[in-house]
Amino acid sequence: MCPYQVQKLWQTADVCVLVSEYEGTSVSMLEAMAAGCVPVVTKVSGTADVIQPGINGFTGPVAI
């Protein structure tokens, strides 16, 4: 899938769910946000710097 197709796919979605125990700032999360998707992600270092819960997305704890 080329980047253009990925962008089109994000534009058809309402929510982007990304779960990770260890993640920097996820490129997929940023691409989804740029396309208008609401990110729902685990609260790890990179997402904590970008997501303001309830304002531009939602975070949850890492479940181990």
Protein backbone atom coordinates (compact mmCIF):
# COMPACT_ATOMS: atom_id res chain seq x y z
CA MET A 1 0.00 0.00 0.00
CA CYS A 2 1.46 3.36 -0.98
CA PRO A 3 1.31 6.44 1.31
CA TYR A 4 -1.51 7.97 -0.77
CA GLN A 5 -3.65 4.87 -0.23
CA VAL A 6 -2.94 4.92 3.51
CA GLN A 7 -4.06 8.55 3.70
CA LYS A 8 -7.30 7.70 1.87
CA LEU A 9 -7.88 4.79 4.25
CA TRP A 10 -7.44 7.02 7.31
CA GLN A 11 -9.95 9.47 5.83
CA THR A 12 -12.63 6.75 5.82
CA ALA A 13 -12.12 5.89 9.50
CA ASP A 14 -13.49 7.72 12.54
CA VAL A 15 -11.17 6.28 15.17
CA CYS A 16 -7.56 5.11 15.18
CA VAL A 17 -6.78 2.57 17.92
CA LEU A 18 -3.11 1.97 18.62
CA VAL A 19 -1.97 -0.11 21.56
CA SER A 20 1.67 -0.48 22.46
CA GLU A 21 3.77 -1.04 25.55
CA TYR A 22 6.71 0.85 24.07
CA GLU A 23 6.26 3.47 21.41
CA GLY A 24 7.82 6.75 20.48
CA THR A 25 5.63 9.19 18.64
CA SER A 26 3.73 6.92 16.27
CA VAL A 27 3.77 8.03 12.64
CA SER A 28 0.49 6.14 12.12
CA MET A 29 -1.12 8.11 14.93
CA LEU A 30 0.03 11.41 13.43
CA GLU A 31 -1.15 10.41 9.94
CA ALA A 32 -4.53 9.40 11.33
CA MET A 33 -4.87 12.67 13.22
CA ALA A 34 -3.97 14.64 10.09
CA ALA A 35 -6.77 12.82 8.25
CA GLY A 36 -9.32 13.65 10.96
CA CYS A 37 -9.29 10.37 12.92
CA VAL A 38 -9.61 10.50 16.69
CA PRO A 39 -6.67 8.60 18.22
CA VAL A 40 -7.29 6.19 21.07
CA VAL A 41 -3.86 5.08 22.26
CA THR A 42 -1.97 3.67 25.21
CA LYS A 43 -0.31 6.30 27.38
CA VAL A 44 3.37 5.82 26.57
CA SER A 45 6.14 8.37 26.14
CA GLY A 46 5.42 9.54 22.59
CA THR A 47 1.65 9.63 22.85
CA ALA A 48 1.74 11.45 26.18
CA ASP A 49 3.60 14.31 24.47
CA VAL A 50 1.02 14.68 21.69
CA ILE A 51 -2.39 13.63 23.00
CA GLN A 52 -4.37 15.92 25.29
CA PRO A 53 -7.04 13.53 26.60
CA GLY A 54 -10.54 14.64 25.70
CA ILE A 55 -9.24 17.43 23.46
CA ASN A 56 -7.45 15.79 20.54
CA GLY A 57 -7.74 12.10 21.43
CA PHE A 58 -7.93 9.61 24.27
CA THR A 59 -5.35 7.61 26.19
CA GLY A 60 -5.52 4.53 28.36
CA PRO A 61 -3.02 2.71 30.54
CA VAL A 62 -0.81 -0.06 29.25
CA ALA A 63 -2.34 -3.38 30.35
CA ILE A 64 0.21 -5.99 31.22
